[in-house]
């Protein structure tokens, strides 16, 4: 399975993850998360593969998360509503998001990337 790395070039954490992947020789397809966020169905697959609570896919430190008041809204939203919202706005998705449809990593922690994606 090909590895897809959803990244935002203005994000320090994304740049660190990209550098780690490159330094470790891990091949990946870079996808701009803001310009081309994953579709609702792709997000559903990512969510299921991650084993995480769907709310963990949200970028809780983002400006738009706060502007939309999502801290208060998410607890009452259905999974379908959350998936639609995430698919509609790449800035709402926690990043970097790296997946091969079976394994998922969110954010940048070198030890988690090492465990998930190996390297040299």
N, C-alpha and C. Protein backbone atom coordinates (compact mmCIF):
# COMPACT_ATOMS: atom_id res chain seq x y z
N UNK A 1 0.84 -1.19 0.00
CA UNK A 1 0.00 0.00 0.00
C UNK A 1 0.88 1.25 0.00
N UNK A 2 0.52 2.19 -0.82
CA UNK A 2 1.27 3.44 -0.88
C UNK A 2 0.97 4.29 0.35
N UNK A 3 2.00 4.97 0.81
CA UNK A 3 1.84 5.86 1.96
C UNK A 3 1.47 7.25 1.45
N UNK A 4 0.40 7.79 2.03
CA UNK A 4 -0.03 9.15 1.72
C UNK A 4 0.24 10.01 2.93
N UNK A 5 0.89 11.14 2.71
CA UNK A 5 1.17 12.08 3.79
C UNK A 5 0.43 13.38 3.49
N UNK A 6 -0.62 13.62 4.28
CA UNK A 6 -1.38 14.86 4.14
C UNK A 6 -0.66 15.92 4.97
N UNK A 7 -0.11 16.91 4.26
CA UNK A 7 0.73 17.91 4.91
C UNK A 7 0.27 19.32 4.55
N UNK A 8 0.67 20.27 5.40
CA UNK A 8 0.42 21.70 5.15
C UNK A 8 1.78 22.37 5.22
N UNK A 9 2.20 22.99 4.10
CA UNK A 9 3.58 23.47 4.02
C UNK A 9 3.92 24.60 4.98
N UNK A 10 2.93 25.23 5.58
CA UNK A 10 3.20 26.29 6.55
C UNK A 10 3.23 25.77 7.99
N UNK A 11 3.11 24.46 8.14
CA UNK A 11 3.04 23.83 9.46
C UNK A 11 4.41 23.24 9.83
N UNK A 12 4.98 23.71 10.94
CA UNK A 12 6.28 23.21 11.40
C UNK A 12 6.25 21.71 11.64
N UNK A 13 5.19 21.23 12.25
CA UNK A 13 5.07 19.80 12.57
C UNK A 13 5.06 18.98 11.28
N UNK A 14 4.38 19.47 10.26
CA UNK A 14 4.34 18.78 8.97
C UNK A 14 5.72 18.76 8.34
N UNK A 15 6.44 19.87 8.43
CA UNK A 15 7.79 19.92 7.86
C UNK A 15 8.72 18.94 8.56
N UNK A 16 8.57 18.82 9.89
CA UNK A 16 9.38 17.86 10.65
C UNK A 16 9.07 16.42 10.21
N UNK A 17 7.80 16.12 10.06
CA UNK A 17 7.41 14.77 9.64
C UNK A 17 7.91 14.46 8.23
N UNK A 18 7.78 15.42 7.33
CA UNK A 18 8.25 15.24 5.96
C UNK A 18 9.76 14.99 5.95
N UNK A 19 10.51 15.77 6.71
CA UNK A 19 11.95 15.60 6.79
C UNK A 19 12.29 14.22 7.36
N UNK A 20 11.56 13.79 8.40
CA UNK A 20 11.81 12.49 8.99
C UNK A 20 11.60 11.38 7.94
N UNK A 21 10.48 11.45 7.24
CA UNK A 21 10.18 10.44 6.21
C UNK A 21 11.28 10.41 5.15
N UNK A 22 11.69 11.60 4.70
CA UNK A 22 12.73 11.67 3.68
C UNK A 22 14.06 11.15 4.21
N UNK A 23 14.44 11.57 5.41
CA UNK A 23 15.71 11.14 6.00
C UNK A 23 15.76 9.63 6.22
N UNK A 24 14.61 9.03 6.50
CA UNK A 24 14.53 7.59 6.75
C UNK A 24 14.31 6.78 5.47
N UNK A 25 14.21 7.48 4.35
CA UNK A 25 14.05 6.79 3.08
C UNK A 25 12.69 6.16 2.88
N UNK A 26 11.68 6.70 3.56
CA UNK A 26 10.31 6.18 3.44
C UNK A 26 9.64 6.87 2.25
N UNK A 27 9.24 6.10 1.26
CA UNK A 27 8.57 6.67 0.10
C UNK A 27 7.14 7.04 0.44
N UNK A 28 6.71 8.21 -0.03
CA UNK A 28 5.35 8.65 0.26
C UNK A 28 4.88 9.63 -0.80
N UNK A 29 3.55 9.72 -0.91
CA UNK A 29 2.93 10.70 -1.79
C UNK A 29 2.52 11.87 -0.90
N UNK A 30 3.02 13.06 -1.22
CA UNK A 30 2.67 14.24 -0.44
C UNK A 30 1.39 14.86 -0.99
N UNK A 31 0.41 15.05 -0.12
CA UNK A 31 -0.87 15.63 -0.52
C UNK A 31 -1.11 16.88 0.32
N UNK A 32 -1.36 18.02 -0.33
CA UNK A 32 -1.62 19.25 0.43
C UNK A 32 -2.99 19.17 1.11
N UNK A 33 -2.98 19.06 2.43
CA UNK A 33 -4.22 18.80 3.19
C UNK A 33 -5.24 19.93 3.07
N UNK A 34 -4.77 21.17 2.88
CA UNK A 34 -5.71 22.29 2.77
C UNK A 34 -6.34 22.34 1.38
N UNK A 35 -5.52 22.11 0.35
CA UNK A 35 -6.03 22.17 -1.03
C UNK A 35 -6.76 20.90 -1.45
N UNK A 36 -6.35 19.76 -0.88
CA UNK A 36 -6.94 18.48 -1.28
C UNK A 36 -7.16 17.60 -0.05
N UNK A 37 -8.09 18.01 0.84
CA UNK A 37 -8.34 17.18 2.03
C UNK A 37 -8.92 15.83 1.63
N UNK A 38 -8.75 14.83 2.49
CA UNK A 38 -9.33 13.52 2.18
C UNK A 38 -10.86 13.63 2.07
N UNK A 39 -11.43 12.80 1.22
CA UNK A 39 -12.89 12.78 1.07
C UNK A 39 -13.53 12.21 2.33
N UNK A 40 -14.82 12.35 2.41
CA UNK A 40 -15.56 11.81 3.56
C UNK A 40 -15.34 10.31 3.68
N UNK A 41 -15.38 9.59 2.57
CA UNK A 41 -15.20 8.14 2.62
C UNK A 41 -13.77 7.77 2.97
N UNK A 42 -12.82 8.53 2.45
CA UNK A 42 -11.42 8.27 2.80
C UNK A 42 -11.20 8.54 4.29
N UNK A 43 -11.79 9.61 4.80
CA UNK A 43 -11.69 9.91 6.23
C UNK A 43 -12.32 8.80 7.07
N UNK A 44 -13.41 8.23 6.58
CA UNK A 44 -14.06 7.13 7.30
C UNK A 44 -13.09 5.94 7.39
N UNK A 45 -12.41 5.61 6.29
CA UNK A 45 -11.44 4.51 6.29
C UNK A 45 -10.27 4.81 7.23
N UNK A 46 -9.78 6.04 7.17
CA UNK A 46 -8.67 6.46 8.03
C UNK A 46 -9.07 6.34 9.50
N UNK A 47 -10.25 6.85 9.81
CA UNK A 47 -10.75 6.81 11.19
C UNK A 47 -10.86 5.36 11.68
N UNK A 48 -11.47 4.50 10.86
CA UNK A 48 -11.64 3.09 11.27
C UNK A 48 -10.28 2.41 11.44
N UNK A 49 -9.35 2.68 10.52
CA UNK A 49 -8.02 2.07 10.61
C UNK A 49 -7.24 2.56 11.83
N UNK A 50 -7.49 3.81 12.22
CA UNK A 50 -6.73 4.39 13.34
C UNK A 50 -7.15 3.81 14.69
N UNK A 51 -8.42 3.40 14.79
CA UNK A 51 -8.93 2.90 16.06
C UNK A 51 -9.17 4.02 17.08
N UNK A 52 -9.06 5.26 16.64
CA UNK A 52 -9.22 6.41 17.53
C UNK A 52 -10.67 6.89 17.57
N UNK A 53 -10.98 7.63 18.61
CA UNK A 53 -12.24 8.36 18.66
C UNK A 53 -12.20 9.36 17.50
N UNK A 54 -13.29 9.51 16.78
CA UNK A 54 -13.34 10.39 15.62
C UNK A 54 -12.91 11.81 15.98
N UNK A 55 -13.22 12.26 17.17
CA UNK A 55 -12.85 13.62 17.58
C UNK A 55 -11.35 13.84 17.63
N UNK A 56 -10.57 12.76 17.71
CA UNK A 56 -9.10 12.87 17.72
C UNK A 56 -8.56 13.30 16.36
N UNK A 57 -9.38 13.21 15.32
CA UNK A 57 -8.93 13.63 14.00
C UNK A 57 -9.00 15.15 13.82
N UNK A 58 -9.60 15.84 14.78
CA UNK A 58 -9.72 17.29 14.68
C UNK A 58 -8.48 18.00 15.19
N UNK A 59 -8.10 19.05 14.50
CA UNK A 59 -6.98 19.91 14.89
C UNK A 59 -7.50 20.90 15.94
N UNK A 60 -7.44 20.50 17.20
CA UNK A 60 -8.04 21.30 18.27
C UNK A 60 -7.28 22.58 18.57
N UNK A 61 -6.07 22.72 18.05
CA UNK A 61 -5.31 23.94 18.29
C UNK A 61 -5.44 24.94 17.13
N UNK A 62 -6.24 24.59 16.14
CA UNK A 62 -6.39 25.46 14.97
C UNK A 62 -7.36 26.61 15.21
N UNK A 63 -7.12 27.69 14.49
CA UNK A 63 -7.96 28.89 14.58
C UNK A 63 -9.39 28.58 14.19
N UNK A 64 -9.57 27.84 13.11
CA UNK A 64 -10.93 27.57 12.63
C UNK A 64 -11.71 26.69 13.60
N UNK A 65 -11.03 25.79 14.28
CA UNK A 65 -11.68 24.95 15.30
C UNK A 65 -12.30 25.86 16.37
N UNK A 66 -11.52 26.85 16.81
CA UNK A 66 -12.02 27.78 17.83
C UNK A 66 -13.11 28.70 17.27
N UNK A 67 -12.87 29.22 16.06
CA UNK A 67 -13.85 30.14 15.45
C UNK A 67 -15.21 29.47 15.27
N UNK A 68 -15.20 28.19 14.95
CA UNK A 68 -16.46 27.46 14.74
C UNK A 68 -17.07 26.94 16.04
N UNK A 69 -16.38 27.16 17.16
CA UNK A 69 -16.89 26.71 18.45
C UNK A 69 -17.03 25.21 18.54
N UNK A 70 -16.12 24.47 17.92
CA UNK A 70 -16.27 23.02 17.83
C UNK A 70 -16.09 22.30 19.16
N UNK A 71 -15.39 22.90 20.09
CA UNK A 71 -15.24 22.26 21.40
C UNK A 71 -16.61 21.96 22.00
N UNK A 72 -17.53 22.90 21.82
CA UNK A 72 -18.88 22.73 22.37
C UNK A 72 -19.81 21.97 21.43
N UNK A 73 -19.54 22.03 20.13
CA UNK A 73 -20.44 21.41 19.15
C UNK A 73 -20.17 19.92 18.92
N UNK A 74 -18.89 19.51 18.95
CA UNK A 74 -18.55 18.12 18.62
C UNK A 74 -19.29 17.08 19.47
N UNK A 75 -19.44 17.29 20.78
CA UNK A 75 -20.11 16.25 21.57
C UNK A 75 -21.53 15.92 21.12
N UNK A 76 -22.19 16.85 20.45
CA UNK A 76 -23.57 16.60 20.02
C UNK A 76 -23.68 16.28 18.53
N UNK A 77 -22.55 16.29 17.82
CA UNK A 77 -22.57 16.01 16.38
C UNK A 77 -22.52 14.50 16.13
N UNK A 78 -23.17 14.07 15.06
CA UNK A 78 -23.11 12.66 14.66
C UNK A 78 -21.77 12.40 13.96
N UNK A 79 -21.41 11.14 13.85
CA UNK A 79 -20.19 10.77 13.12
C UNK A 79 -20.25 11.31 11.69
N UNK A 80 -21.41 11.19 11.06
CA UNK A 80 -21.56 11.66 9.67
C UNK A 80 -21.32 13.16 9.57
N UNK A 81 -21.85 13.92 10.53
CA UNK A 81 -21.65 15.37 10.52
C UNK A 81 -20.17 15.72 10.72
N UNK A 82 -19.51 15.00 11.62
CA UNK A 82 -18.08 15.26 11.85
C UNK A 82 -17.26 14.92 10.61
N UNK A 83 -17.55 13.79 9.97
CA UNK A 83 -16.82 13.41 8.75
C UNK A 83 -17.04 14.43 7.64
N UNK A 84 -18.27 14.90 7.49
CA UNK A 84 -18.56 15.94 6.48
C UNK A 84 -17.76 17.20 6.75
N UNK A 85 -17.73 17.62 8.00
CA UNK A 85 -17.01 18.82 8.39
C UNK A 85 -15.52 18.68 8.12
N UNK A 86 -14.94 17.56 8.51
CA UNK A 86 -13.52 17.33 8.28
C UNK A 86 -13.19 17.33 6.78
N UNK A 87 -14.03 16.68 5.99
CA UNK A 87 -13.80 16.59 4.55
C UNK A 87 -13.94 17.95 3.87
N UNK A 88 -14.69 18.85 4.48
CA UNK A 88 -14.94 20.16 3.87
C UNK A 88 -13.84 21.17 4.15
N UNK A 89 -12.95 20.87 5.10
CA UNK A 89 -11.96 21.87 5.49
C UNK A 89 -10.70 21.18 6.04
N UNK A 90 -9.67 21.11 5.21
CA UNK A 90 -8.43 20.45 5.60
C UNK A 90 -7.76 21.05 6.83
N UNK A 91 -8.03 22.32 7.11
CA UNK A 91 -7.41 22.94 8.29
C UNK A 91 -8.00 22.41 9.59
N UNK A 92 -9.14 21.75 9.51
CA UNK A 92 -9.75 21.17 10.72
C UNK A 92 -9.16 19.81 11.07
N UNK A 93 -8.39 19.23 10.16
CA UNK A 93 -7.83 17.89 10.37
C UNK A 93 -6.48 17.99 11.06
N UNK A 94 -6.30 17.19 12.10
CA UNK A 94 -5.01 17.14 12.79
C UNK A 94 -3.96 16.68 11.79
N UNK A 95 -2.83 17.35 11.84
CA UNK A 95 -1.79 17.05 10.88
C UNK A 95 -0.42 16.98 11.55
N UNK A 96 0.52 16.36 10.90
CA UNK A 96 0.38 15.64 9.65
C UNK A 96 -0.42 14.35 9.84
N UNK A 97 -1.14 14.02 8.80
CA UNK A 97 -1.93 12.78 8.75
C UNK A 97 -1.25 11.89 7.73
N UNK A 98 -0.73 10.76 8.21
CA UNK A 98 0.00 9.83 7.33
C UNK A 98 -0.70 8.48 7.40
N UNK A 99 -0.98 7.92 6.22
CA UNK A 99 -1.72 6.65 6.19
C UNK A 99 -1.38 5.84 4.94
N UNK A 100 -1.58 4.54 5.07
CA UNK A 100 -1.53 3.64 3.91
C UNK A 100 -2.83 2.84 3.85
N UNK A 101 -3.87 3.34 4.48
CA UNK A 101 -5.19 2.73 4.58
C UNK A 101 -5.26 1.60 5.60
N UNK A 102 -4.13 1.17 6.13
CA UNK A 102 -4.13 0.15 7.18
C UNK A 102 -3.56 0.72 8.47
N UNK A 103 -2.56 1.58 8.33
CA UNK A 103 -1.89 2.21 9.46
C UNK A 103 -2.09 3.71 9.35
N UNK A 104 -2.24 4.37 10.51
CA UNK A 104 -2.46 5.81 10.54
C UNK A 104 -1.61 6.43 11.64
N UNK A 105 -0.94 7.53 11.32
CA UNK A 105 -0.30 8.33 12.36
C UNK A 105 -0.80 9.75 12.22
N UNK A 106 -1.02 10.37 13.37
CA UNK A 106 -1.45 11.77 13.44
C UNK A 106 -0.43 12.54 14.25
N UNK A 107 -0.06 13.72 13.76
CA UNK A 107 0.92 14.52 14.49
C UNK A 107 2.31 14.00 14.24
N UNK A 108 3.30 14.59 14.92
CA UNK A 108 4.68 14.17 14.73
C UNK A 108 5.31 13.77 16.06
N UNK A 109 5.57 12.49 16.16
CA UNK A 109 6.37 11.94 17.24
C UNK A 109 7.27 10.92 16.55
N UNK A 110 8.58 11.18 16.56
CA UNK A 110 9.51 10.34 15.82
C UNK A 110 9.36 8.86 16.17
N UNK A 111 9.14 8.57 17.47
CA UNK A 111 9.03 7.16 17.86
C UNK A 111 7.78 6.51 17.27
N UNK A 112 6.69 7.26 17.14
CA UNK A 112 5.47 6.71 16.53
C UNK A 112 5.66 6.49 15.03
N UNK A 113 6.35 7.44 14.38
CA UNK A 113 6.62 7.27 12.96
C UNK A 113 7.53 6.08 12.73
N UNK A 114 8.54 5.93 13.58
CA UNK A 114 9.46 4.80 13.47
C UNK A 114 8.71 3.47 13.58
N UNK A 115 7.83 3.40 14.57
CA UNK A 115 7.06 2.18 14.80
C UNK A 115 6.13 1.87 13.61
N UNK A 116 5.48 2.92 13.09
CA UNK A 116 4.50 2.73 12.02
C UNK A 116 5.14 2.56 10.64
N UNK A 117 6.15 3.37 10.36
CA UNK A 117 6.67 3.44 8.99
C UNK A 117 8.09 2.93 8.83
N UNK A 118 8.69 2.48 9.93
CA UNK A 118 10.03 1.89 9.84
C UNK A 118 11.09 2.89 9.48
N UNK A 119 11.65 2.75 8.36
CA UNK A 119 12.74 3.63 7.96
C UNK A 119 13.93 2.77 7.56
N UNK A 120 15.07 3.40 7.52
CA UNK A 120 16.30 2.76 7.02
C UNK A 120 16.60 1.44 7.70
